[in-house]
């Protein structure tokens, strides 16, 4: 009897040579699913965190087809200045200095919440990068930076024109949308002044739903 059972097992095993192949296929599908879903879940959590980040307040005064006019009240800024003149040259060192300040690089060792957007004003004569401080924080109650290159100031209220674009920003993109905004303002007979500035809203590791803007101060009355 035992010989018959052994023979039956052998026949059964030989009759299903694809079992191991099917098992490996299922494992492969599971692995691919994990590799696909993990980045998507990471981006989902990143988007949720970005939505909770405090945004600099402004009021939309008028919406045009390709741009909008906004009013920005005054805000407290932490700013670094540099002789660099391009987005690529300004972005990393500027961000590192300002992040150092809000993540405890100050005389009180205090952590300050990150807000959005990051402001960048770039020109051939020098550039600045600024973090907007959370509402309620002023030069009087903010801790003094340890890095002397970080300056605390208050911006003036202003009207601006703003145009938006997605993806990862580059110098080429910023120049392209600055030129487009300038043309749109000329068509509407709206005068502008000062440099065209870049606003970046997202962390480098956020791949989806990125928001970038170019703004410029305008002569506008309501």
N, C-alpha and C. Protein backbone atom coordinates (compact mmCIF):
# COMPACT_ATOMS: atom_id res chain seq x y z
N UNK A 1 0.83 -1.21 0.00
CA UNK A 1 0.00 0.00 0.00
C UNK A 1 0.87 1.26 0.00
N UNK A 2 1.93 1.22 0.84
CA UNK A 2 2.79 2.40 0.93
C UNK A 2 3.44 2.70 -0.41
N UNK A 3 3.80 1.66 -1.16
CA UNK A 3 4.40 1.88 -2.48
C UNK A 3 3.41 2.53 -3.43
N UNK A 4 2.15 2.12 -3.32
CA UNK A 4 1.11 2.69 -4.19
C UNK A 4 0.92 4.16 -3.88
N UNK A 5 0.91 4.53 -2.56
CA UNK A 5 0.71 5.92 -2.15
C UNK A 5 1.89 6.78 -2.60
N UNK A 6 3.08 6.22 -2.45
CA UNK A 6 4.26 6.97 -2.88
C UNK A 6 4.23 7.20 -4.37
N UNK A 7 3.81 6.17 -5.10
CA UNK A 7 3.72 6.30 -6.55
C UNK A 7 2.67 7.35 -6.93
N UNK A 8 1.53 7.36 -6.18
CA UNK A 8 0.47 8.33 -6.47
C UNK A 8 0.95 9.75 -6.22
N UNK A 9 1.73 9.95 -5.11
CA UNK A 9 2.25 11.29 -4.79
C UNK A 9 3.20 11.76 -5.89
N UNK A 10 4.05 10.82 -6.34
CA UNK A 10 5.01 11.17 -7.37
C UNK A 10 4.32 11.57 -8.65
N UNK A 11 3.29 10.79 -9.02
CA UNK A 11 2.54 11.09 -10.23
C UNK A 11 1.85 12.44 -10.11
N UNK A 12 1.26 12.68 -8.88
CA UNK A 12 0.54 13.95 -8.67
C UNK A 12 1.50 15.12 -8.77
N UNK A 13 2.69 14.94 -8.17
CA UNK A 13 3.67 16.02 -8.20
C UNK A 13 4.14 16.28 -9.62
N UNK A 14 4.37 15.22 -10.35
CA UNK A 14 4.84 15.38 -11.72
C UNK A 14 3.73 15.92 -12.61
N UNK A 15 2.47 15.71 -12.21
CA UNK A 15 1.35 16.17 -13.03
C UNK A 15 1.12 17.66 -12.88
N UNK A 16 1.76 18.32 -11.89
CA UNK A 16 1.59 19.76 -11.67
C UNK A 16 2.95 20.47 -11.68
N UNK A 17 3.65 20.42 -12.77
CA UNK A 17 4.98 21.03 -12.82
C UNK A 17 4.93 22.54 -12.78
N UNK A 18 3.73 23.15 -12.96
CA UNK A 18 3.63 24.62 -12.99
C UNK A 18 3.38 25.23 -11.63
N UNK A 19 3.22 24.37 -10.58
CA UNK A 19 2.93 24.91 -9.25
C UNK A 19 3.99 25.89 -8.78
N UNK A 20 5.25 25.50 -8.91
CA UNK A 20 6.34 26.38 -8.46
C UNK A 20 6.37 27.66 -9.29
N UNK A 21 6.11 27.53 -10.59
CA UNK A 21 6.10 28.69 -11.47
C UNK A 21 5.00 29.67 -11.08
N UNK A 22 3.79 29.13 -10.76
CA UNK A 22 2.66 29.97 -10.35
C UNK A 22 2.98 30.68 -9.04
N UNK A 23 3.58 29.96 -8.12
CA UNK A 23 3.93 30.55 -6.83
C UNK A 23 4.92 31.70 -7.01
N UNK A 24 5.92 31.52 -7.84
CA UNK A 24 6.90 32.57 -8.10
C UNK A 24 6.24 33.76 -8.78
N UNK A 25 5.29 33.48 -9.67
CA UNK A 25 4.58 34.55 -10.38
C UNK A 25 3.78 35.40 -9.40
N UNK A 26 3.12 34.74 -8.43
CA UNK A 26 2.35 35.47 -7.43
C UNK A 26 3.25 36.34 -6.57
N UNK A 27 4.39 35.81 -6.21
CA UNK A 27 5.34 36.58 -5.40
C UNK A 27 5.85 37.79 -6.18
N UNK A 28 6.10 37.59 -7.46
CA UNK A 28 6.58 38.70 -8.30
C UNK A 28 5.52 39.80 -8.41
N UNK A 29 4.25 39.38 -8.60
CA UNK A 29 3.16 40.36 -8.70
C UNK A 29 3.02 41.13 -7.40
N UNK A 30 3.13 40.41 -6.27
CA UNK A 30 3.04 41.06 -4.97
C UNK A 30 4.16 42.08 -4.78
N UNK A 31 5.37 41.70 -5.16
CA UNK A 31 6.52 42.60 -5.03
C UNK A 31 6.34 43.85 -5.88
N UNK A 32 5.91 43.66 -7.12
CA UNK A 32 5.69 44.81 -8.01
C UNK A 32 4.60 45.71 -7.45
N UNK A 33 3.55 45.12 -6.91
CA UNK A 33 2.45 45.91 -6.33
C UNK A 33 2.94 46.78 -5.19
N UNK A 34 3.79 46.19 -4.34
CA UNK A 34 4.34 46.94 -3.21
C UNK A 34 5.22 48.09 -3.71
N UNK A 35 6.05 47.80 -4.70
CA UNK A 35 6.96 48.82 -5.24
C UNK A 35 6.20 49.96 -5.90
N UNK A 36 5.03 49.65 -6.47
CA UNK A 36 4.22 50.69 -7.11
C UNK A 36 3.42 51.48 -6.08
N UNK A 37 2.82 50.78 -5.12
CA UNK A 37 1.95 51.43 -4.16
C UNK A 37 2.70 52.25 -3.12
N UNK A 38 3.88 51.81 -2.73
CA UNK A 38 4.63 52.51 -1.68
C UNK A 38 4.93 53.96 -2.05
N UNK A 39 5.48 54.23 -3.26
CA UNK A 39 5.72 55.64 -3.64
C UNK A 39 4.43 56.45 -3.72
N UNK A 40 3.34 55.81 -4.19
CA UNK A 40 2.06 56.52 -4.29
C UNK A 40 1.54 56.90 -2.91
N UNK A 41 1.67 55.98 -1.95
CA UNK A 41 1.24 56.27 -0.59
C UNK A 41 2.10 57.36 0.03
N UNK A 42 3.40 57.31 -0.26
CA UNK A 42 4.31 58.34 0.24
C UNK A 42 3.91 59.71 -0.29
N UNK A 43 3.59 59.78 -1.59
CA UNK A 43 3.17 61.05 -2.19
C UNK A 43 1.83 61.51 -1.62
N UNK A 44 0.94 60.57 -1.32
CA UNK A 44 -0.34 60.92 -0.73
C UNK A 44 -0.15 61.59 0.63
N UNK A 45 0.70 61.00 1.46
CA UNK A 45 0.97 61.59 2.76
C UNK A 45 1.68 62.94 2.62
N UNK A 46 2.55 63.07 1.60
CA UNK A 46 3.23 64.34 1.36
C UNK A 46 2.23 65.42 0.97
N UNK A 47 1.26 65.07 0.11
CA UNK A 47 0.22 66.02 -0.29
C UNK A 47 -0.63 66.43 0.90
N UNK A 48 -0.95 65.48 1.77
CA UNK A 48 -1.75 65.79 2.96
C UNK A 48 -1.00 66.75 3.87
N UNK A 49 0.31 66.52 4.02
CA UNK A 49 1.12 67.41 4.85
C UNK A 49 1.22 68.80 4.23
N UNK A 50 1.37 68.84 2.89
CA UNK A 50 1.47 70.13 2.20
C UNK A 50 0.19 70.94 2.36
N UNK A 51 -0.96 70.25 2.34
CA UNK A 51 -2.24 70.93 2.49
C UNK A 51 -2.40 71.53 3.88
N UNK A 52 -1.72 70.94 4.86
CA UNK A 52 -1.81 71.43 6.24
C UNK A 52 -0.79 72.55 6.52
N UNK A 53 0.16 72.74 5.62
CA UNK A 53 1.18 73.77 5.82
C UNK A 53 0.55 75.15 5.74
N UNK A 54 0.88 76.02 6.68
CA UNK A 54 0.34 77.38 6.67
C UNK A 54 0.80 78.12 5.42
N UNK A 55 -0.15 78.76 4.73
CA UNK A 55 0.14 79.51 3.52
C UNK A 55 0.11 81.01 3.82
N UNK A 56 0.97 81.75 3.16
CA UNK A 56 0.94 83.20 3.30
C UNK A 56 -0.41 83.72 2.84
N UNK A 57 -1.09 84.49 3.66
CA UNK A 57 -2.42 84.97 3.27
C UNK A 57 -2.37 86.04 2.19
N UNK A 58 -3.34 86.00 1.30
CA UNK A 58 -3.53 87.06 0.31
C UNK A 58 -4.99 87.06 -0.11
N UNK A 59 -5.38 88.12 -0.77
CA UNK A 59 -6.75 88.23 -1.26
C UNK A 59 -6.74 88.37 -2.77
N UNK A 60 -7.53 87.54 -3.43
CA UNK A 60 -7.64 87.65 -4.89
C UNK A 60 -8.55 88.83 -5.21
N UNK A 61 -7.99 89.80 -5.90
CA UNK A 61 -8.73 91.01 -6.26
C UNK A 61 -9.48 90.82 -7.57
N UNK A 62 -8.80 90.18 -8.52
CA UNK A 62 -9.41 89.98 -9.84
C UNK A 62 -8.78 88.77 -10.51
N UNK A 63 -9.60 87.95 -11.11
CA UNK A 63 -9.12 86.79 -11.85
C UNK A 63 -9.20 87.05 -13.35
N UNK A 64 -8.06 86.99 -14.00
CA UNK A 64 -8.01 87.09 -15.46
C UNK A 64 -7.92 85.67 -16.03
N UNK A 65 -7.91 85.56 -17.33
CA UNK A 65 -7.89 84.24 -17.96
C UNK A 65 -6.62 83.46 -17.60
N UNK A 66 -5.46 84.11 -17.67
CA UNK A 66 -4.20 83.40 -17.47
C UNK A 66 -3.40 83.88 -16.26
N UNK A 67 -3.93 84.83 -15.51
CA UNK A 67 -3.24 85.30 -14.32
C UNK A 67 -4.27 85.91 -13.38
N UNK A 68 -3.83 86.25 -12.18
CA UNK A 68 -4.74 86.91 -11.25
C UNK A 68 -4.04 88.06 -10.54
N UNK A 69 -4.85 88.99 -10.08
CA UNK A 69 -4.35 90.14 -9.33
C UNK A 69 -4.65 89.88 -7.86
N UNK A 70 -3.65 90.05 -7.01
CA UNK A 70 -3.79 89.77 -5.58
C UNK A 70 -3.36 90.97 -4.75
N UNK A 71 -3.89 90.98 -3.53
CA UNK A 71 -3.40 91.93 -2.54
C UNK A 71 -2.76 91.13 -1.41
N UNK A 72 -1.51 91.44 -1.13
CA UNK A 72 -0.78 90.82 -0.03
C UNK A 72 -0.64 91.82 1.12
N UNK A 73 -1.14 91.48 2.31
CA UNK A 73 -0.85 92.33 3.47
C UNK A 73 0.62 92.16 3.87
N UNK A 74 1.10 92.99 4.77
CA UNK A 74 2.48 92.88 5.22
C UNK A 74 2.70 91.53 5.90
N UNK A 75 3.92 91.04 5.83
CA UNK A 75 4.28 89.76 6.44
C UNK A 75 5.69 89.85 7.00
N UNK A 76 5.96 89.05 8.01
CA UNK A 76 7.30 88.98 8.58
C UNK A 76 8.11 87.94 7.84
N UNK A 77 9.30 88.31 7.41
CA UNK A 77 10.13 87.44 6.58
C UNK A 77 11.49 87.20 7.23
N UNK A 78 12.00 86.00 7.02
CA UNK A 78 13.41 85.71 7.30
C UNK A 78 14.08 85.60 5.94
N UNK A 79 15.13 86.38 5.72
CA UNK A 79 15.71 86.52 4.38
C UNK A 79 17.21 86.36 4.39
N UNK A 80 17.73 85.74 3.33
CA UNK A 80 19.17 85.70 3.10
C UNK A 80 19.45 86.34 1.74
N UNK A 81 20.57 87.02 1.65
CA UNK A 81 20.98 87.67 0.40
C UNK A 81 22.20 86.97 -0.17
N UNK A 82 22.33 87.01 -1.48
CA UNK A 82 23.45 86.35 -2.15
C UNK A 82 23.81 87.10 -3.42
N UNK A 83 25.03 86.91 -3.87
CA UNK A 83 25.45 87.53 -5.13
C UNK A 83 25.06 86.66 -6.32
N UNK A 84 24.57 85.46 -6.07
CA UNK A 84 24.13 84.57 -7.15
C UNK A 84 22.96 85.21 -7.89
N UNK A 85 22.76 84.80 -9.14
CA UNK A 85 21.73 85.44 -9.95
C UNK A 85 20.73 84.48 -10.59
N UNK A 86 20.87 83.18 -10.33
CA UNK A 86 19.97 82.21 -10.95
C UNK A 86 19.29 81.36 -9.89
N UNK A 87 18.16 80.79 -10.28
CA UNK A 87 17.41 79.90 -9.39
C UNK A 87 18.28 78.74 -8.93
N UNK A 88 18.99 78.15 -9.86
CA UNK A 88 19.82 77.00 -9.54
C UNK A 88 20.89 77.34 -8.51
N UNK A 89 21.46 78.52 -8.61
CA UNK A 89 22.53 78.93 -7.69
C UNK A 89 21.99 79.37 -6.33
N UNK A 90 20.80 79.92 -6.32
CA UNK A 90 20.24 80.49 -5.09
C UNK A 90 19.53 79.44 -4.24
N UNK A 91 18.85 78.49 -4.89
CA UNK A 91 17.91 77.61 -4.20
C UNK A 91 18.52 76.82 -3.03
N UNK A 92 19.55 76.03 -3.28
CA UNK A 92 20.04 75.14 -2.22
C UNK A 92 20.71 75.89 -1.07
N UNK A 93 21.71 76.76 -1.33
CA UNK A 93 22.36 77.43 -0.20
C UNK A 93 21.40 78.34 0.57
N UNK A 94 20.49 79.00 -0.14
CA UNK A 94 19.54 79.86 0.55
C UNK A 94 18.60 79.06 1.44
N UNK A 95 18.09 77.97 0.90
CA UNK A 95 17.18 77.13 1.66
C UNK A 95 17.89 76.55 2.89
N UNK A 96 19.13 76.13 2.73
CA UNK A 96 19.88 75.53 3.84
C UNK A 96 20.04 76.52 4.99
N UNK A 97 20.36 77.77 4.69
CA UNK A 97 20.53 78.78 5.73
C UNK A 97 19.22 79.09 6.45
N UNK A 98 18.15 79.25 5.68
CA UNK A 98 16.87 79.60 6.29
C UNK A 98 16.29 78.42 7.06
N UNK A 99 16.44 77.21 6.53
CA UNK A 99 15.98 76.02 7.24
C UNK A 99 16.74 75.87 8.56
N UNK A 100 18.03 76.19 8.52
CA UNK A 100 18.83 76.13 9.73
C UNK A 100 18.26 77.06 10.81
N UNK A 101 17.82 78.24 10.39
CA UNK A 101 17.25 79.20 11.34
C UNK A 101 15.97 78.69 11.97
N UNK A 102 15.02 78.22 11.15
CA UNK A 102 13.73 77.82 11.71
C UNK A 102 13.77 76.47 12.41
N UNK A 103 14.78 75.66 12.13
CA UNK A 103 14.89 74.36 12.79
C UNK A 103 15.79 74.41 14.02
N UNK A 104 15.91 75.59 14.62
CA UNK A 104 16.62 75.69 15.89
C UNK A 104 17.91 76.47 15.84
N UNK A 105 18.31 76.95 14.67
CA UNK A 105 19.56 77.71 14.56
C UNK A 105 19.36 79.16 14.95
N UNK A 106 18.90 79.37 16.17
CA UNK A 106 18.67 80.72 16.69
C UNK A 106 19.05 80.75 18.16
N UNK A 107 19.07 81.92 18.73
CA UNK A 107 19.60 82.08 20.09
C UNK A 107 18.74 81.41 21.15
N UNK A 108 17.51 81.09 20.83
CA UNK A 108 16.65 80.40 21.79
C UNK A 108 16.52 78.91 21.49
N UNK A 109 17.15 78.48 20.38
CA UNK A 109 17.02 77.07 19.99
C UNK A 109 15.59 76.69 19.69
N UNK A 110 14.79 77.65 19.25
CA UNK A 110 13.36 77.45 19.04
C UNK A 110 13.08 76.94 17.63
N UNK A 111 12.16 76.00 17.51
CA UNK A 111 11.72 75.54 16.20
C UNK A 111 10.54 76.40 15.73
N UNK A 112 10.59 76.80 14.49
CA UNK A 112 9.55 77.65 13.90
C UNK A 112 8.92 76.87 12.75
N UNK A 113 7.61 76.87 12.68
CA UNK A 113 6.91 76.09 11.66
C UNK A 113 7.25 76.59 10.26
N UNK A 114 7.41 75.63 9.35
CA UNK A 114 7.63 75.96 7.94
C UNK A 114 6.31 76.42 7.34
N UNK A 115 6.37 77.45 6.50
CA UNK A 115 5.19 77.92 5.80
C UNK A 115 5.46 77.87 4.29
N UNK A 116 4.47 78.25 3.52
CA UNK A 116 4.62 78.33 2.07
C UNK A 116 3.97 79.63 1.60
N UNK A 117 4.46 80.21 0.54
CA UNK A 117 5.56 79.73 -0.31
C UNK A 117 6.91 80.27 0.16
N UNK A 118 7.97 79.76 -0.49
CA UNK A 118 9.30 80.33 -0.37
C UNK A 118 9.43 81.40 -1.45
N UNK A 119 9.91 82.58 -1.06
CA UNK A 119 10.06 83.69 -2.00
C UNK A 119 11.49 83.76 -2.52
N UNK A 120 11.64 83.98 -3.82
CA UNK A 120 12.96 84.17 -4.41
C UNK A 120 12.90 85.36 -5.37
N UNK A 121 13.81 86.30 -5.13
CA UNK A 121 13.91 87.50 -5.97
C UNK A 121 15.31 87.49 -6.58
N UNK A 122 15.39 87.19 -7.87
CA UNK A 122 16.68 86.99 -8.52
C UNK A 122 16.96 88.05 -9.57
N UNK A 123 18.19 88.56 -9.56
CA UNK A 123 18.59 89.54 -10.57
C UNK A 123 20.09 89.47 -10.76
N UNK A 124 20.58 90.15 -11.78
CA UNK A 124 22.02 90.15 -12.07
C UNK A 124 22.82 90.87 -11.01
N UNK A 125 22.17 91.73 -10.23
CA UNK A 125 22.88 92.50 -9.20
C UNK A 125 22.82 91.86 -7.82
N UNK A 126 22.20 90.70 -7.73
CA UNK A 126 22.08 90.02 -6.45
C UNK A 126 20.69 89.44 -6.27
N UNK A 127 20.56 88.50 -5.35
CA UNK A 127 19.30 87.79 -5.17
C UNK A 127 18.99 87.59 -3.69
N UNK A 128 17.73 87.33 -3.40
CA UNK A 128 17.31 87.02 -2.04
C UNK A 128 16.40 85.80 -2.04
N UNK A 129 16.40 85.10 -0.92
CA UNK A 129 15.41 84.06 -0.66
C UNK A 129 14.81 84.35 0.69
N UNK A 130 13.49 84.18 0.80
CA UNK A 130 12.80 84.49 2.06
C UNK A 130 11.83 83.39 2.44
N UNK A 131 11.77 83.10 3.75
CA UNK A 131 10.73 82.28 4.33
C UNK A 131 9.74 83.23 5.00
N UNK A 132 8.45 83.00 4.78
CA UNK A 132 7.43 83.77 5.48
C UNK A 132 7.25 83.16 6.87
N UNK A 133 7.32 84.01 7.89
CA UNK A 133 7.14 83.51 9.26
C UNK A 133 5.65 83.29 9.56
N UNK A 134 5.34 82.34 10.43
CA UNK A 134 3.94 82.07 10.75
C UNK A 134 3.24 83.33 11.26
N UNK A 135 1.93 83.39 11.03
CA UNK A 135 1.16 84.54 11.48
C UNK A 135 1.28 84.70 13.00
N UNK A 136 1.38 85.93 13.43
CA UNK A 136 1.53 86.21 14.85
C UNK A 136 2.97 86.40 15.26
N UNK A 137 3.92 86.02 14.39
CA UNK A 137 5.33 86.21 14.70
C UNK A 137 5.82 87.52 14.08
N UNK A 138 6.56 88.26 14.86
CA UNK A 138 7.05 89.58 14.45
C UNK A 138 8.54 89.67 14.76
N UNK A 139 9.20 90.70 14.25
CA UNK A 139 10.62 90.87 14.60
C UNK A 139 10.85 90.98 16.11
N UNK A 140 9.82 91.42 16.83
CA UNK A 140 9.95 91.59 18.28
C UNK A 140 9.88 90.27 19.03
N UNK A 141 9.09 89.31 18.54
CA UNK A 141 8.97 88.06 19.30
C UNK A 141 9.67 86.87 18.65
N UNK A 142 10.32 87.09 17.51
CA UNK A 142 11.09 86.02 16.88
C UNK A 142 12.48 85.93 17.52
N UNK A 143 13.03 84.72 17.63
CA UNK A 143 14.39 84.60 18.16
C UNK A 143 15.41 85.14 17.17
N UNK A 144 16.50 85.65 17.68
CA UNK A 144 17.55 86.21 16.84
C UNK A 144 18.33 85.08 16.16
N UNK A 145 18.58 85.20 14.85
CA UNK A 145 19.33 84.15 14.14
C UNK A 145 20.78 84.06 14.64
N UNK A 146 21.29 82.84 14.69
CA UNK A 146 22.71 82.66 14.99
C UNK A 146 23.55 83.03 13.78
N UNK A 147 23.07 82.67 12.61
CA UNK A 147 23.74 83.02 11.36
C UNK A 147 23.46 84.48 11.03
N UNK A 148 24.50 85.30 11.02
CA UNK A 148 24.33 86.73 10.81
C UNK A 148 23.83 87.07 9.41
N UNK A 149 23.87 86.10 8.47
CA UNK A 149 23.40 86.37 7.11
C UNK A 149 21.88 86.26 6.99
N UNK A 150 21.21 85.79 8.06
CA UNK A 150 19.75 85.71 8.07
C UNK A 150 19.20 86.98 8.69
N UNK A 151 18.36 87.68 7.95
CA UNK A 151 17.79 88.96 8.40
C UNK A 151 16.27 88.85 8.55
N UNK A 152 15.76 89.46 9.60
CA UNK A 152 14.31 89.48 9.85
C UNK A 152 13.78 90.86 9.46
N UNK A 153 12.71 90.87 8.68
CA UNK A 153 12.13 92.14 8.23
C UNK A 153 10.63 91.99 8.03
N UNK A 154 9.98 93.11 7.77
CA UNK A 154 8.54 93.10 7.50
C UNK A 154 8.31 93.67 6.10
N UNK A 155 7.59 92.92 5.28
CA UNK A 155 7.31 93.37 3.92
C UNK A 155 6.22 94.43 3.92
N UNK A 156 6.18 95.22 2.87
CA UNK A 156 5.14 96.22 2.72
C UNK A 156 3.91 95.59 2.06
N UNK A 157 2.72 96.07 2.39
CA UNK A 157 1.52 95.59 1.66
C UNK A 157 1.67 95.93 0.18
N UNK A 158 1.17 95.06 -0.68
CA UNK A 158 1.34 95.32 -2.11
C UNK A 158 0.29 94.58 -2.93
N UNK A 159 0.05 95.13 -4.11
CA UNK A 159 -0.73 94.46 -5.13
C UNK A 159 0.25 93.80 -6.10
N UNK A 160 -0.05 92.57 -6.48
CA UNK A 160 0.82 91.87 -7.43
C UNK A 160 -0.04 91.18 -8.48
N UNK A 161 0.59 90.90 -9.61
CA UNK A 161 0.01 90.00 -10.61
C UNK A 161 0.74 88.67 -10.47
N UNK A 162 0.00 87.58 -10.56
CA UNK A 162 0.58 86.25 -10.35
C UNK A 162 0.16 85.29 -11.46
N UNK A 163 1.12 84.50 -11.92
CA UNK A 163 0.86 83.47 -12.91
C UNK A 163 1.40 82.16 -12.37
N UNK A 164 0.69 81.07 -12.59
CA UNK A 164 1.03 79.78 -11.98
C UNK A 164 1.48 78.77 -13.02
N UNK A 165 2.36 77.85 -12.60
CA UNK A 165 2.74 76.71 -13.43
C UNK A 165 3.14 75.55 -12.55
N UNK A 166 3.15 74.35 -13.11
CA UNK A 166 3.41 73.15 -12.33
C UNK A 166 4.79 72.56 -12.58
N UNK A 167 5.00 71.36 -12.05
CA UNK A 167 6.26 70.65 -12.24
C UNK A 167 7.39 71.21 -11.38
N UNK A 168 8.60 70.75 -11.68
CA UNK A 168 9.79 71.26 -11.01
C UNK A 168 10.27 72.50 -11.74
N UNK A 169 10.43 73.58 -11.01
CA UNK A 169 10.82 74.86 -11.62
C UNK A 169 12.28 74.85 -12.04
N UNK A 170 12.58 75.63 -13.05
CA UNK A 170 13.96 75.84 -13.52
C UNK A 170 14.10 77.30 -13.91
N UNK A 171 15.32 77.72 -14.16
CA UNK A 171 15.54 79.10 -14.61
C UNK A 171 14.79 79.36 -15.91
N UNK A 172 14.79 78.37 -16.78
CA UNK A 172 14.09 78.52 -18.06
C UNK A 172 12.60 78.73 -17.85
N UNK A 173 11.99 77.95 -16.95
CA UNK A 173 10.56 78.08 -16.66
C UNK A 173 10.25 79.46 -16.09
N UNK A 174 11.06 79.88 -15.14
CA UNK A 174 10.81 81.17 -14.48
C UNK A 174 10.90 82.31 -15.49
N UNK A 175 11.89 82.27 -16.34
CA UNK A 175 12.03 83.30 -17.37
C UNK A 175 10.86 83.26 -18.35
N UNK A 176 10.45 82.05 -18.71
CA UNK A 176 9.33 81.89 -19.64
C UNK A 176 8.05 82.50 -19.09
N UNK A 177 7.71 82.19 -17.83
CA UNK A 177 6.46 82.67 -17.27
C UNK A 177 6.54 84.14 -16.86
N UNK A 178 7.73 84.62 -16.55
CA UNK A 178 7.90 86.05 -16.30
C UNK A 178 7.62 86.83 -17.58
N UNK A 179 8.15 86.36 -18.71
CA UNK A 179 7.92 87.02 -20.00
C UNK A 179 6.45 86.95 -20.37
N UNK A 180 5.83 85.82 -20.11
CA UNK A 180 4.41 85.67 -20.44
C UNK A 180 3.56 86.62 -19.60
N UNK A 181 3.87 86.71 -18.31
CA UNK A 181 3.13 87.61 -17.43
C UNK A 181 3.33 89.06 -17.85
N UNK A 182 4.54 89.40 -18.22
CA UNK A 182 4.82 90.77 -18.67
C UNK A 182 3.99 91.12 -19.90
N UNK A 183 3.88 90.19 -20.83
CA UNK A 183 3.08 90.42 -22.04
C UNK A 183 1.60 90.55 -21.70
N UNK A 184 1.11 89.72 -20.79
CA UNK A 184 -0.29 89.78 -20.40
C UNK A 184 -0.62 91.11 -19.73
N UNK A 185 0.28 91.60 -18.91
CA UNK A 185 0.06 92.89 -18.26
C UNK A 185 0.06 94.02 -19.27
N UNK A 186 0.95 93.93 -20.25
CA UNK A 186 1.01 94.96 -21.29
C UNK A 186 -0.30 94.98 -22.07
N UNK A 187 -0.85 93.82 -22.36
CA UNK A 187 -2.12 93.74 -23.08
C UNK A 187 -3.26 94.37 -22.30
N UNK A 188 -3.20 94.29 -20.97
CA UNK A 188 -4.24 94.85 -20.12
C UNK A 188 -3.96 96.30 -19.73
N UNK A 189 -2.79 96.81 -20.13
CA UNK A 189 -2.43 98.17 -19.77
C UNK A 189 -2.12 98.36 -18.29
N UNK A 190 -1.63 97.29 -17.65
CA UNK A 190 -1.30 97.33 -16.22
C UNK A 190 0.21 97.54 -16.05
N UNK A 191 0.57 98.58 -15.33
CA UNK A 191 1.99 98.87 -15.12
C UNK A 191 2.54 98.03 -13.97
N UNK A 192 3.77 97.56 -14.15
CA UNK A 192 4.42 96.79 -13.09
C UNK A 192 5.74 97.45 -12.71
N UNK A 193 6.26 97.05 -11.55
CA UNK A 193 7.52 97.63 -11.07
C UNK A 193 8.33 96.58 -10.32
N UNK A 194 9.63 96.78 -10.28
CA UNK A 194 10.50 95.85 -9.56
C UNK A 194 10.74 94.57 -10.35
N UNK A 195 11.40 93.63 -9.69
CA UNK A 195 11.74 92.36 -10.33
C UNK A 195 10.55 91.41 -10.36
N UNK A 196 10.56 90.52 -11.32
CA UNK A 196 9.64 89.39 -11.31
C UNK A 196 10.19 88.38 -10.31
N UNK A 197 9.35 87.93 -9.40
CA UNK A 197 9.79 87.07 -8.30
C UNK A 197 9.18 85.68 -8.42
N UNK A 198 9.87 84.72 -7.87
CA UNK A 198 9.41 83.33 -7.92
C UNK A 198 8.90 82.90 -6.56
N UNK A 199 7.77 82.18 -6.56
CA UNK A 199 7.22 81.59 -5.35
C UNK A 199 7.15 80.08 -5.51
N UNK A 200 7.77 79.36 -4.60
CA UNK A 200 7.75 77.90 -4.64
C UNK A 200 7.01 77.35 -3.43
N UNK A 201 6.08 76.43 -3.67
CA UNK A 201 5.19 75.97 -2.61
C UNK A 201 5.49 74.57 -2.08
N UNK A 202 6.35 73.81 -2.73
CA UNK A 202 6.44 72.39 -2.41
C UNK A 202 7.85 71.95 -2.02
N UNK A 203 7.89 70.90 -1.20
CA UNK A 203 9.17 70.29 -0.83
C UNK A 203 9.75 69.58 -2.05
N UNK A 204 11.08 69.44 -2.11
CA UNK A 204 11.70 68.78 -3.27
C UNK A 204 11.22 67.36 -3.50
N UNK A 205 10.83 66.66 -2.42
CA UNK A 205 10.42 65.26 -2.55
C UNK A 205 8.94 65.10 -2.89
N UNK A 206 8.23 66.20 -3.10
CA UNK A 206 6.84 66.11 -3.57
C UNK A 206 6.84 66.12 -5.09
N UNK A 207 6.41 65.00 -5.69
CA UNK A 207 6.44 64.88 -7.14
C UNK A 207 5.12 65.32 -7.79
N UNK A 208 4.01 65.13 -7.06
CA UNK A 208 2.69 65.37 -7.64
C UNK A 208 2.14 66.73 -7.23
N UNK A 209 1.31 67.30 -8.11
CA UNK A 209 0.56 68.53 -7.80
C UNK A 209 1.47 69.67 -7.32
N UNK A 210 2.57 69.86 -7.98
CA UNK A 210 3.48 70.93 -7.59
C UNK A 210 2.93 72.28 -8.03
N UNK A 211 3.18 73.29 -7.23
CA UNK A 211 2.68 74.64 -7.49
C UNK A 211 3.83 75.63 -7.48
N UNK A 212 3.98 76.34 -8.58
CA UNK A 212 4.98 77.40 -8.70
C UNK A 212 4.29 78.65 -9.23
N UNK A 213 4.81 79.81 -8.85
CA UNK A 213 4.24 81.06 -9.34
C UNK A 213 5.32 82.08 -9.61
N UNK A 214 5.04 82.96 -10.54
CA UNK A 214 5.85 84.15 -10.77
C UNK A 214 4.95 85.34 -10.48
N UNK A 215 5.44 86.27 -9.66
CA UNK A 215 4.66 87.45 -9.32
C UNK A 215 5.47 88.70 -9.60
N UNK A 216 4.77 89.82 -9.72
CA UNK A 216 5.44 91.12 -9.87
C UNK A 216 4.52 92.18 -9.28
N UNK A 217 5.10 93.17 -8.65
CA UNK A 217 4.32 94.27 -8.07
C UNK A 217 3.70 95.09 -9.19
N UNK A 218 2.47 95.53 -8.97
CA UNK A 218 1.78 96.30 -10.01
C UNK A 218 1.19 97.59 -9.40
N UNK A 219 0.94 98.53 -10.27
CA UNK A 219 0.27 99.77 -9.89
C UNK A 219 -1.23 99.53 -10.05
N UNK A 220 -1.92 99.34 -8.94
CA UNK A 220 -3.32 98.94 -9.01
C UNK A 220 -4.11 99.61 -7.89
N UNK A 221 -5.30 100.02 -8.23
CA UNK A 221 -6.21 100.62 -7.24
C UNK A 221 -7.58 99.97 -7.36
N UNK A 222 -8.17 99.67 -6.23
CA UNK A 222 -9.50 99.07 -6.22
C UNK A 222 -10.57 100.16 -6.15
